[in-house]
Amino acid sequence: MLLNIFTTFRDFYAKIYRSGITGVCFATTTANFHNPAMRLKHYLLHYKVERSIFKKQRELFIPELVPGIHKKDLDALVKMTRGKAFEDFTKAVDLYFKEQPIPPVEFLRTNTCDCKTGVWAENLLTRKNYMDVIEHAGFKAEYTAGFWDTHYKYPVVNLITGLLNRLIKFTGKKGYYFAPFVNITAVKK
């Protein structure tokens, strides 16, 4: 399964680069950190998914790894393992009981993930985060603005989204501050 190959965001781009599979890796995401409305939308999504799914998943999975765990330790580990998956998750549990520091998850903020598959709930990262990781892996990185759909049922919505698209175009490379999504392109140098 492809998901089990990557344990961190950095691993993804580094392994894609070394694999030689492609010279171009293109992604889009609505997790646009720079648009305040999209950031708020994803903060709320992260809190909802964390509370309703991923926190409960960790509450069930940790006792499988540590049968008979005390509630106090379980509660602490559930908090400390948010954003960790695979070996990083089990290593964090081991480190906790060895009373050693647990390394933080890079770029965690409000992000959360499935501890068994590593699938993120729309990882909310800054332009700088993407550029640093992608360029460190060996790619040339591009981070560009998406656009608003202008085919809604209500004409007033189409008018507003059309104006936002003009604003995105007018602001050029900084258009991502107004865009509903962003494009991330990694091209082999």
Protein backbone atom coordinates (compact mmCIF):
# COMPACT_ATOMS: atom_id res chain seq x y z
CA MET A 1 0.00 0.00 0.00
CA LEU A 2 1.50 3.34 -1.07
CA LEU A 3 0.50 5.16 2.13
CA ASN A 4 2.73 2.96 4.28
CA ILE A 5 5.84 4.13 2.40
CA PHE A 6 5.72 7.66 3.82
CA THR A 7 5.87 8.51 7.50
CA THR A 8 6.31 12.27 7.21
CA PHE A 9 5.51 15.09 4.83
CA ARG A 10 9.24 15.44 4.14
CA ASP A 11 9.52 11.73 3.33
CA PHE A 12 6.89 12.03 0.61
CA TYR A 13 8.79 14.52 -1.55
CA ALA A 14 12.24 13.08 -0.77
CA LYS A 15 11.18 9.56 -1.76
CA ILE A 16 9.32 10.73 -4.87
CA TYR A 17 12.46 12.61 -5.95
CA ARG A 18 14.79 9.63 -5.36
CA SER A 19 12.41 7.14 -6.97
CA GLY A 20 12.74 8.63 -10.45
CA ILE A 21 9.02 7.89 -10.98
CA THR A 22 8.28 11.38 -12.21
CA GLY A 23 9.87 14.67 -13.08
CA VAL A 24 6.76 16.62 -12.04
CA CYS A 25 4.56 16.22 -8.98
CA PHE A 26 1.40 18.37 -8.98
CA ALA A 27 -1.09 18.77 -6.16
CA THR A 28 -3.95 21.07 -5.27
CA THR A 29 -5.47 21.62 -1.86
CA THR A 30 -8.24 23.68 -0.35
CA ALA A 31 -6.08 23.82 2.79
CA ASN A 32 -4.88 27.30 1.84
CA PHE A 33 -3.26 28.64 5.00
CA HIS A 34 -2.97 32.16 3.58
CA ASN A 35 -6.69 32.72 2.91
CA PRO A 36 -8.21 33.48 6.34
CA ALA A 37 -11.61 32.01 5.41
CA MET A 38 -10.08 28.74 4.17
CA ARG A 39 -7.78 28.56 7.19
CA LEU A 40 -10.76 28.96 9.55
CA LYS A 41 -12.71 26.35 7.57
CA HIS A 42 -9.84 23.87 7.98
CA TYR A 43 -9.26 24.70 11.65
CA LEU A 44 -12.92 23.83 12.26
CA LEU A 45 -12.61 20.69 10.11
CA HIS A 46 -9.51 19.59 12.01
CA TYR A 47 -11.17 20.06 15.40
CA LYS A 48 -14.28 18.18 14.24
CA VAL A 49 -12.35 15.25 12.71
CA GLU A 50 -9.95 15.10 15.65
CA ARG A 51 -12.79 14.97 18.21
CA SER A 52 -15.10 12.64 16.33
CA ILE A 53 -12.66 10.22 14.67
CA PHE A 54 -8.90 10.39 15.21
CA LYS A 55 -8.86 11.02 18.98
CA LYS A 56 -11.22 8.07 19.51
CA GLN A 57 -9.08 5.95 17.19
CA ARG A 58 -5.99 6.64 19.32
CA GLU A 59 -7.99 5.98 22.52
CA LEU A 60 -8.77 2.49 21.17
CA PHE A 61 -5.41 1.75 19.55
CA ILE A 62 -3.09 2.69 22.44
CA PRO A 63 -4.58 0.04 24.81
CA GLU A 64 -3.90 -2.55 22.08
CA LEU A 65 -0.23 -1.57 22.27
CA VAL A 66 -0.22 -1.23 26.08
CA PRO A 67 -2.80 -3.56 27.66
CA GLY A 68 -3.93 -2.39 31.11
CA ILE A 69 -2.80 1.21 30.57
CA HIS A 70 -3.95 3.65 33.27
CA LYS A 71 -6.48 6.29 32.22
CA LYS A 72 -4.09 9.13 33.13
CA ASP A 73 -1.38 7.70 30.85
CA LEU A 74 -3.90 6.99 28.09
CA ASP A 75 -5.22 10.56 28.17
CA ALA A 76 -1.67 11.96 28.06
CA LEU A 77 -0.67 9.70 25.16
CA VAL A 78 -3.80 10.51 23.17
CA LYS A 79 -2.77 14.18 23.29
CA MET A 80 0.93 13.57 22.63
CA THR A 81 0.40 11.30 19.63
CA ARG A 82 -1.86 13.60 17.58
CA GLY A 83 -0.38 13.82 14.09
CA LYS A 84 1.75 10.69 14.46
CA ALA A 85 1.35 7.50 12.44
CA PHE A 86 3.07 4.17 11.82
CA GLU A 87 6.46 3.80 13.54
CA ASP A 88 6.35 7.41 14.76
CA PHE A 89 3.17 6.57 16.67
CA THR A 90 4.43 3.37 18.31
CA LYS A 91 7.81 4.99 19.03
CA ALA A 92 6.04 7.87 20.83
CA VAL A 93 4.20 5.35 23.03
CA ASP A 94 7.50 3.58 23.83
CA LEU A 95 9.28 6.87 24.59
CA TYR A 96 6.48 7.95 26.92
CA PHE A 97 6.90 4.86 29.10
CA LYS A 98 10.68 5.22 29.05
CA GLU A 99 10.10 8.80 30.30
CA GLN A 100 11.99 10.20 27.31
CA PRO A 101 10.97 13.26 25.28
CA ILE A 102 8.61 12.66 22.37
CA PRO A 103 9.71 14.53 19.23
CA PRO A 104 7.10 17.04 18.04
CA VAL A 105 5.30 16.61 14.72
CA GLU A 106 6.63 19.10 12.19
CA PHE A 107 3.98 21.59 10.99
CA LEU A 108 1.34 20.18 13.38
CA ARG A 109 -0.66 23.30 14.32
CA THR A 110 -4.29 22.04 14.24
CA ASN A 111 -3.51 19.25 11.76
CA THR A 112 -4.43 15.70 12.64
CA CYS A 113 -4.17 12.30 10.98
CA ASP A 114 -5.21 8.66 11.08
CA CYS A 115 -2.60 6.94 13.27
CA LYS A 116 -2.86 3.67 11.33
CA THR A 117 -2.79 4.93 7.73
CA GLY A 118 -1.11 8.33 8.06
CA VAL A 119 -3.88 9.99 6.05
CA TRP A 120 -4.09 13.68 7.00
CA ALA A 121 -7.26 15.71 7.43
CA GLU A 122 -6.21 18.24 4.76
CA ASN A 123 -2.79 19.18 6.08
CA LEU A 124 -2.77 22.98 6.54
CA LEU A 125 0.70 24.25 5.60
CA THR A 126 2.15 27.63 4.69
CA ARG A 127 3.70 28.50 1.35
CA LYS A 128 7.09 28.60 3.11
CA ASN A 129 6.54 25.09 4.54
CA TYR A 130 5.87 23.71 1.06
CA MET A 131 8.77 25.58 -0.54
CA ASP A 132 11.27 24.48 2.14
CA VAL A 133 10.28 20.81 2.03
CA ILE A 134 10.01 20.53 -1.76
CA GLU A 135 13.24 22.41 -2.49
CA HIS A 136 15.12 20.50 0.23
CA ALA A 137 14.07 17.26 -1.51
CA GLY A 138 15.72 18.48 -4.74
CA PHE A 139 12.73 19.81 -6.65
CA LYS A 140 12.05 23.33 -7.88
CA ALA A 141 8.82 24.40 -6.16
CA GLU A 142 5.93 26.54 -7.34
CA TYR A 143 3.01 27.66 -5.19
CA THR A 144 0.21 29.36 -7.13
CA ALA A 145 -3.33 30.55 -6.56
CA GLY A 146 -6.37 28.59 -7.60
CA PHE A 147 -9.61 30.27 -8.63
CA TRP A 148 -13.23 30.53 -7.59
CA ASP A 149 -15.96 28.67 -9.47
CA THR A 150 -18.32 31.08 -11.24
CA HIS A 151 -21.11 28.66 -12.11
CA TYR A 152 -23.30 28.81 -9.03
CA LYS A 153 -27.08 28.77 -8.97
CA TYR A 154 -27.31 32.34 -7.67
CA PRO A 155 -26.09 35.23 -9.86
CA VAL A 156 -24.93 37.27 -6.84
CA VAL A 157 -22.55 34.46 -5.83
CA ASN A 158 -21.20 34.33 -9.38
CA LEU A 159 -20.67 38.09 -9.27
CA ILE A 160 -18.73 37.88 -5.99
CA THR A 161 -16.61 34.93 -7.12
CA GLY A 162 -15.92 36.68 -10.42
CA LEU A 163 -14.70 39.75 -8.52
CA LEU A 164 -12.52 37.55 -6.31
CA ASN A 165 -11.00 35.94 -9.42
CA ARG A 166 -10.14 39.40 -10.76
CA LEU A 167 -8.57 40.28 -7.42
CA ILE A 168 -6.51 37.06 -7.55
CA LYS A 169 -5.30 37.94 -11.04
CA PHE A 170 -4.62 41.58 -10.11
CA THR A 171 -2.50 40.62 -7.07
CA GLY A 172 -0.33 38.28 -9.16
CA LYS A 173 1.92 35.93 -7.21
CA LYS A 174 0.22 36.95 -3.94
CA GLY A 175 -3.20 35.96 -5.30
CA TYR A 176 -3.23 32.91 -3.05
CA TYR A 177 -4.34 35.20 -0.19
CA PHE A 178 -7.76 35.38 -1.89
CA ALA A 179 -7.90 31.95 -3.57
CA PRO A 180 -10.06 29.07 -2.34
CA PHE A 181 -7.31 26.56 -3.13
CA VAL A 182 -3.65 26.50 -4.09
CA ASN A 183 -1.58 24.57 -6.61
CA ILE A 184 1.69 23.04 -5.49
CA THR A 185 4.08 21.96 -8.24
CA ALA A 186 7.38 20.19 -7.72
CA VAL A 187 9.60 19.92 -10.82
CA LYS A 188 12.87 17.99 -10.90
CA LYS A 189 15.78 20.37 -11.42
